[in-house]
């Protein structure tokens, strides 16, 4: 877009989870809850997941939650 309009665009990060109410609860959940890999593999085999995310992204999601 910048090339097309020949103007520099400065984007501001306005939707950061670290600034949202309840962030501490989400961080606690992420650090406390571990899900067995077999369940995650079944969950992430959805055709919708595979449509919207790459295999690498799905593997990262699984890694985040696995015990």
PDB file of N, CA and C in Angstrom:
ATOM      1  N   UNK A   1       0.833  -1.185   0.000  1.00  0.00           N
ATOM      2  CA  UNK A   1       0.000   0.000   0.000  1.00  0.00           C
ATOM      3  C   UNK A   1       0.875   1.244   0.000  1.00  0.00           C
ATOM      4  N   UNK A   2       1.941   1.213   0.809  1.00  0.00           N
ATOM      5  CA  UNK A   2       2.829   2.380   0.867  1.00  0.00           C
ATOM      6  C   UNK A   2       3.380   2.729  -0.508  1.00  0.00           C
ATOM      7  N   UNK A   3       3.753   1.694  -1.259  1.00  0.00           N
ATOM      8  CA  UNK A   3       4.268   1.940  -2.610  1.00  0.00           C
ATOM      9  C   UNK A   3       3.211   2.594  -3.477  1.00  0.00           C
ATOM     10  N   UNK A   4       2.017   2.090  -3.399  1.00  0.00           N
ATOM     11  CA  UNK A   4       0.934   2.578  -4.238  1.00  0.00           C
ATOM     12  C   UNK A   4       0.586   4.033  -3.927  1.00  0.00           C
ATOM     13  N   UNK A   5       0.482   4.359  -2.628  1.00  0.00           N
ATOM     14  CA  UNK A   5       0.110   5.734  -2.262  1.00  0.00           C
ATOM     15  C   UNK A   5       1.320   6.637  -2.058  1.00  0.00           C
ATOM     16  N   UNK A   6       2.506   6.042  -2.174  1.00  0.00           N
ATOM     17  CA  UNK A   6       3.764   6.778  -2.024  1.00  0.00           C
ATOM     18  C   UNK A   6       3.825   7.564  -0.715  1.00  0.00           C
ATOM     19  N   UNK A   7       3.389   6.899   0.342  1.00  0.00           N
ATOM     20  CA  UNK A   7       3.385   7.507   1.670  1.00  0.00           C
ATOM     21  C   UNK A   7       3.707   6.433   2.697  1.00  0.00           C
ATOM     22  N   UNK A   8       4.539   6.767   3.672  1.00  0.00           N
ATOM     23  CA  UNK A   8       4.890   5.843   4.751  1.00  0.00           C
ATOM     24  C   UNK A   8       3.707   5.710   5.703  1.00  0.00           C
ATOM     25  N   UNK A   9       3.380   4.478   6.062  1.00  0.00           N
ATOM     26  CA  UNK A   9       2.285   4.215   6.992  1.00  0.00           C
ATOM     27  C   UNK A   9       2.879   3.703   8.297  1.00  0.00           C
ATOM     28  N   UNK A  10       2.526   4.336   9.404  1.00  0.00           N
ATOM     29  CA  UNK A  10       2.978   3.896  10.725  1.00  0.00           C
ATOM     30  C   UNK A  10       1.824   3.183  11.412  1.00  0.00           C
ATOM     31  N   UNK A  11       1.999   1.892  11.663  1.00  0.00           N
ATOM     32  CA  UNK A  11       0.966   1.113  12.332  1.00  0.00           C
ATOM     33  C   UNK A  11       1.258   1.037  13.823  1.00  0.00           C
ATOM     34  N   UNK A  12       0.217   1.218  14.617  1.00  0.00           N
ATOM     35  CA  UNK A  12       0.355   1.157  16.067  1.00  0.00           C
ATOM     36  C   UNK A  12      -0.246  -0.147  16.586  1.00  0.00           C
ATOM     37  N   UNK A  13       0.441  -0.825  17.510  1.00  0.00           N
ATOM     38  CA  UNK A  13      -0.101  -2.066  18.079  1.00  0.00           C
ATOM     39  C   UNK A  13      -1.175  -1.748  19.122  1.00  0.00           C
ATOM     40  N   UNK A  14      -2.442  -1.792  18.733  1.00  0.00           N
ATOM     41  CA  UNK A  14      -3.514  -1.400  19.640  1.00  0.00           C
ATOM     42  C   UNK A  14      -4.296  -2.575  20.215  1.00  0.00           C
ATOM     43  N   UNK A  15      -4.074  -3.771  19.713  1.00  0.00           N
ATOM     44  CA  UNK A  15      -4.851  -4.923  20.166  1.00  0.00           C
ATOM     45  C   UNK A  15      -3.952  -5.964  20.836  1.00  0.00           C
ATOM     46  N   UNK A  16      -3.059  -5.519  21.688  1.00  0.00           N
ATOM     47  CA  UNK A  16      -2.111  -6.421  22.348  1.00  0.00           C
ATOM     48  C   UNK A  16      -2.754  -7.049  23.579  1.00  0.00           C
ATOM     49  N   UNK A  17      -2.612  -8.359  23.699  1.00  0.00           N
ATOM     50  CA  UNK A  17      -3.226  -9.064  24.822  1.00  0.00           C
ATOM     51  C   UNK A  17      -2.627  -8.638  26.161  1.00  0.00           C
ATOM     52  N   UNK A  18      -1.389  -8.183  26.160  1.00  0.00           N
ATOM     53  CA  UNK A  18      -0.765  -7.765  27.419  1.00  0.00           C
ATOM     54  C   UNK A  18      -1.445  -6.536  28.009  1.00  0.00           C
ATOM     55  N   UNK A  19      -2.174  -5.796  27.194  1.00  0.00           N
ATOM     56  CA  UNK A  19      -2.855  -4.593  27.675  1.00  0.00           C
ATOM     57  C   UNK A  19      -4.317  -4.835  28.014  1.00  0.00           C
ATOM     58  N   UNK A  20      -4.791  -6.047  27.852  1.00  0.00           N
ATOM     59  CA  UNK A  20      -6.211  -6.327  28.030  1.00  0.00           C
ATOM     60  C   UNK A  20      -6.531  -6.770  29.450  1.00  0.00           C
ATOM     61  N   UNK A  21      -7.759  -6.455  29.858  1.00  0.00           N
ATOM     62  CA  UNK A  21      -8.258  -6.889  31.150  1.00  0.00           C
ATOM     63  C   UNK A  21      -8.320  -8.422  31.155  1.00  0.00           C
ATOM     64  N   UNK A  22      -7.901  -9.045  32.199  1.00  0.00           N
ATOM     65  CA  UNK A  22      -7.943 -10.497  32.293  1.00  0.00           C
ATOM     66  C   UNK A  22      -6.692 -11.177  31.779  1.00  0.00           C
ATOM     67  N   UNK A  23      -5.713 -10.418  31.360  1.00  0.00           N
ATOM     68  CA  UNK A  23      -4.487 -10.996  30.817  1.00  0.00           C
ATOM     69  C   UNK A  23      -3.775 -11.881  31.835  1.00  0.00           C
ATOM     70  N   UNK A  24      -3.801 -11.488  33.095  1.00  0.00           N
ATOM     71  CA  UNK A  24      -3.128 -12.279  34.130  1.00  0.00           C
ATOM     72  C   UNK A  24      -3.767 -13.663  34.253  1.00  0.00           C
ATOM     73  N   UNK A  25      -5.087 -13.732  34.106  1.00  0.00           N
ATOM     74  CA  UNK A  25      -5.788 -15.017  34.184  1.00  0.00           C
ATOM     75  C   UNK A  25      -5.411 -15.904  32.999  1.00  0.00           C
ATOM     76  N   UNK A  26      -5.322 -15.306  31.831  1.00  0.00           N
ATOM     77  CA  UNK A  26      -4.957 -16.066  30.638  1.00  0.00           C
ATOM     78  C   UNK A  26      -3.525 -16.581  30.751  1.00  0.00           C
ATOM     79  N   UNK A  27      -2.618 -15.744  31.233  1.00  0.00           N
ATOM     80  CA  UNK A  27      -1.230 -16.177  31.422  1.00  0.00           C
ATOM     81  C   UNK A  27      -1.150 -17.336  32.414  1.00  0.00           C
ATOM     82  N   UNK A  28      -1.922 -17.243  33.504  1.00  0.00           N
ATOM     83  CA  UNK A  28      -1.950 -18.321  34.490  1.00  0.00           C
ATOM     84  C   UNK A  28      -2.439 -19.611  33.836  1.00  0.00           C
ATOM     85  N   UNK A  29      -3.499 -19.511  33.044  1.00  0.00           N
ATOM     86  CA  UNK A  29      -4.047 -20.676  32.354  1.00  0.00           C
ATOM     87  C   UNK A  29      -3.023 -21.288  31.410  1.00  0.00           C
ATOM     88  N   UNK A  30      -2.379 -20.459  30.613  1.00  0.00           N
ATOM     89  CA  UNK A  30      -1.379 -20.958  29.663  1.00  0.00           C
ATOM     90  C   UNK A  30      -0.234 -21.672  30.367  1.00  0.00           C
ATOM     91  N   UNK A  31       0.151 -21.179  31.528  1.00  0.00           N
ATOM     92  CA  UNK A  31       1.286 -21.757  32.249  1.00  0.00           C
ATOM     93  C   UNK A  31       0.898 -22.945  33.131  1.00  0.00           C
ATOM     94  N   UNK A  32      -0.383 -23.106  33.425  1.00  0.00           N
ATOM     95  CA  UNK A  32      -0.820 -24.143  34.352  1.00  0.00           C
ATOM     96  C   UNK A  32      -1.441 -25.362  33.683  1.00  0.00           C
ATOM     97  N   UNK A  33      -2.175 -25.139  32.614  1.00  0.00           N
ATOM     98  CA  UNK A  33      -2.918 -26.226  31.975  1.00  0.00           C
ATOM     99  C   UNK A  33      -2.057 -26.907  30.920  1.00  0.00           C
ATOM    100  N   UNK A  34      -1.961 -28.200  31.012  1.00  0.00           N
ATOM    101  CA  UNK A  34      -1.259 -29.007  30.013  1.00  0.00           C
ATOM    102  C   UNK A  34      -2.239 -30.060  29.513  1.00  0.00           C
ATOM    103  N   UNK A  35      -2.302 -30.232  28.204  1.00  0.00           N
ATOM    104  CA  UNK A  35      -3.245 -31.155  27.577  1.00  0.00           C
ATOM    105  C   UNK A  35      -2.453 -32.289  26.928  1.00  0.00           C
ATOM    106  N   UNK A  36      -2.895 -33.537  27.121  1.00  0.00           N
ATOM    107  CA  UNK A  36      -2.179 -34.663  26.514  1.00  0.00           C
ATOM    108  C   UNK A  36      -2.075 -34.514  24.988  1.00  0.00           C
ATOM    109  N   UNK A  37      -0.939 -34.881  24.459  1.00  0.00           N
ATOM    110  CA  UNK A  37      -0.665 -34.706  23.033  1.00  0.00           C
ATOM    111  C   UNK A  37      -1.676 -35.440  22.153  1.00  0.00           C
ATOM    112  N   UNK A  38      -2.105 -36.619  22.556  1.00  0.00           N
ATOM    113  CA  UNK A  38      -3.069 -37.388  21.757  1.00  0.00           C
ATOM    114  C   UNK A  38      -4.374 -36.615  21.566  1.00  0.00           C
ATOM    115  N   UNK A  39      -4.832 -35.956  22.626  1.00  0.00           N
ATOM    116  CA  UNK A  39      -6.062 -35.162  22.524  1.00  0.00           C
ATOM    117  C   UNK A  39      -5.855 -33.948  21.625  1.00  0.00           C
ATOM    118  N   UNK A  40      -4.706 -33.319  21.742  1.00  0.00           N
ATOM    119  CA  UNK A  40      -4.415 -32.156  20.905  1.00  0.00           C
ATOM    120  C   UNK A  40      -4.328 -32.536  19.432  1.00  0.00           C
ATOM    121  N   UNK A  41      -3.693 -33.660  19.148  1.00  0.00           N
ATOM    122  CA  UNK A  41      -3.579 -34.109  17.757  1.00  0.00           C
ATOM    123  C   UNK A  41      -4.959 -34.334  17.154  1.00  0.00           C
ATOM    124  N   UNK A  42      -5.852 -34.946  17.933  1.00  0.00           N
ATOM    125  CA  UNK A  42      -7.215 -35.183  17.451  1.00  0.00           C
ATOM    126  C   UNK A  42      -7.937 -33.852  17.227  1.00  0.00           C
ATOM    127  N   UNK A  43      -7.800 -32.953  18.158  1.00  0.00           N
ATOM    128  CA  UNK A  43      -8.447 -31.644  18.064  1.00  0.00           C
ATOM    129  C   UNK A  43      -7.958 -30.864  16.849  1.00  0.00           C
ATOM    130  N   UNK A  44      -6.666 -30.852  16.641  1.00  0.00           N
ATOM    131  CA  UNK A  44      -6.087 -30.042  15.570  1.00  0.00           C
ATOM    132  C   UNK A  44      -6.130 -30.721  14.198  1.00  0.00           C
ATOM    133  N   UNK A  45      -6.748 -31.894  14.095  1.00  0.00           N
ATOM    134  CA  UNK A  45      -6.922 -32.535  12.794  1.00  0.00           C
ATOM    135  C   UNK A  45      -8.178 -32.048  12.074  1.00  0.00           C
ATOM    136  N   UNK A  46      -8.862 -31.112  12.657  1.00  0.00           N
ATOM    137  CA  UNK A  46     -10.079 -30.561  12.060  1.00  0.00           C
ATOM    138  C   UNK A  46      -9.799 -29.967  10.681  1.00  0.00           C
ATOM    139  N   UNK A  47     -10.750 -30.134   9.764  1.00  0.00           N
ATOM    140  CA  UNK A  47     -10.577 -29.561   8.426  1.00  0.00           C
ATOM    141  C   UNK A  47     -10.525 -28.039   8.490  1.00  0.00           C
ATOM    142  N   UNK A  48     -11.162 -27.446   9.491  1.00  0.00           N
ATOM    143  CA  UNK A  48     -11.143 -25.991   9.629  1.00  0.00           C
ATOM    144  C   UNK A  48      -9.767 -25.503  10.078  1.00  0.00           C
ATOM    145  N   UNK A  49      -9.181 -26.224  11.008  1.00  0.00           N
ATOM    146  CA  UNK A  49      -7.832 -25.879  11.456  1.00  0.00           C
ATOM    147  C   UNK A  49      -6.871 -25.974  10.281  1.00  0.00           C
ATOM    148  N   UNK A  50      -6.963 -27.054   9.541  1.00  0.00           N
ATOM    149  CA  UNK A  50      -6.066 -27.250   8.401  1.00  0.00           C
ATOM    150  C   UNK A  50      -6.300 -26.244   7.284  1.00  0.00           C
ATOM    151  N   UNK A  51      -7.497 -25.713   7.209  1.00  0.00           N
ATOM    152  CA  UNK A  51      -7.784 -24.700   6.187  1.00  0.00           C
ATOM    153  C   UNK A  51      -7.129 -23.362   6.539  1.00  0.00           C
ATOM    154  N   UNK A  52      -7.193 -22.992   7.814  1.00  0.00           N
ATOM    155  CA  UNK A  52      -6.748 -21.662   8.220  1.00  0.00           C
ATOM    156  C   UNK A  52      -5.304 -21.586   8.709  1.00  0.00           C
ATOM    157  N   UNK A  53      -4.716 -22.715   9.094  1.00  0.00           N
ATOM    158  CA  UNK A  53      -3.371 -22.694   9.662  1.00  0.00           C
ATOM    159  C   UNK A  53      -2.445 -23.645   8.914  1.00  0.00           C
ATOM    160  N   UNK A  54      -1.174 -23.282   8.873  1.00  0.00           N
ATOM    161  CA  UNK A  54      -0.177 -24.151   8.252  1.00  0.00           C
ATOM    162  C   UNK A  54       0.174 -25.283   9.226  1.00  0.00           C
ATOM    163  N   UNK A  55       0.816 -26.298   8.710  1.00  0.00           N
ATOM    164  CA  UNK A  55       1.245 -27.420   9.551  1.00  0.00           C
ATOM    165  C   UNK A  55       2.203 -26.932  10.642  1.00  0.00           C
ATOM    166  N   UNK A  56       3.066 -26.011  10.302  1.00  0.00           N
ATOM    167  CA  UNK A  56       4.011 -25.454  11.266  1.00  0.00           C
ATOM    168  C   UNK A  56       3.278 -24.701  12.381  1.00  0.00           C
ATOM    169  N   UNK A  57       2.257 -23.929  12.023  1.00  0.00           N
ATOM    170  CA  UNK A  57       1.486 -23.203  13.034  1.00  0.00           C
ATOM    171  C   UNK A  57       0.776 -24.177  13.969  1.00  0.00           C
ATOM    172  N   UNK A  58       0.190 -25.220  13.411  1.00  0.00           N
ATOM    173  CA  UNK A  58      -0.505 -26.220  14.225  1.00  0.00           C
ATOM    174  C   UNK A  58       0.474 -26.900  15.176  1.00  0.00           C
ATOM    175  N   UNK A  59       1.649 -27.244  14.690  1.00  0.00           N
ATOM    176  CA  UNK A  59       2.663 -27.856  15.560  1.00  0.00           C
ATOM    177  C   UNK A  59       3.050 -26.921  16.694  1.00  0.00           C
ATOM    178  N   UNK A  60       3.128 -25.627  16.427  1.00  0.00           N
ATOM    179  CA  UNK A  60       3.431 -24.651  17.479  1.00  0.00           C
ATOM    180  C   UNK A  60       2.303 -24.575  18.498  1.00  0.00           C
ATOM    181  N   UNK A  61       1.049 -24.641  18.030  1.00  0.00           N
ATOM    182  CA  UNK A  61      -0.091 -24.634  18.953  1.00  0.00           C
ATOM    183  C   UNK A  61      -0.020 -25.847  19.877  1.00  0.00           C
ATOM    184  N   UNK A  62       0.252 -27.000  19.295  1.00  0.00           N
ATOM    185  CA  UNK A  62       0.323 -28.242  20.073  1.00  0.00           C
ATOM    186  C   UNK A  62       1.450 -28.159  21.097  1.00  0.00           C
ATOM    187  N   UNK A  63       2.588 -27.669  20.672  1.00  0.00           N
ATOM    188  CA  UNK A  63       3.747 -27.542  21.560  1.00  0.00           C
ATOM    189  C   UNK A  63       3.432 -26.658  22.763  1.00  0.00           C
ATOM    190  N   UNK A  64       2.609 -25.651  22.548  1.00  0.00           N
ATOM    191  CA  UNK A  64       2.234 -24.708  23.595  1.00  0.00           C
ATOM    192  C   UNK A  64       1.471 -25.383  24.734  1.00  0.00           C
ATOM    193  N   UNK A  65       0.630 -26.372  24.410  1.00  0.00           N
ATOM    194  CA  UNK A  65      -0.271 -26.956  25.391  1.00  0.00           C
ATOM    195  C   UNK A  65       0.108 -28.341  25.883  1.00  0.00           C
ATOM    196  N   UNK A  66       1.044 -28.998  25.202  1.00  0.00           N
ATOM    197  CA  UNK A  66       1.336 -30.394  25.516  1.00  0.00           C
ATOM    198  C   UNK A  66       2.005 -30.550  26.885  1.00  0.00           C
ATOM    199  N   UNK A  67       1.752 -31.709  27.510  1.00  0.00           N
ATOM    200  CA  UNK A  67       2.344 -31.973  28.837  1.00  0.00           C
ATOM    201  C   UNK A  67       3.756 -32.483  28.691  1.00  0.00           C
TER     202      UNK A  67
END
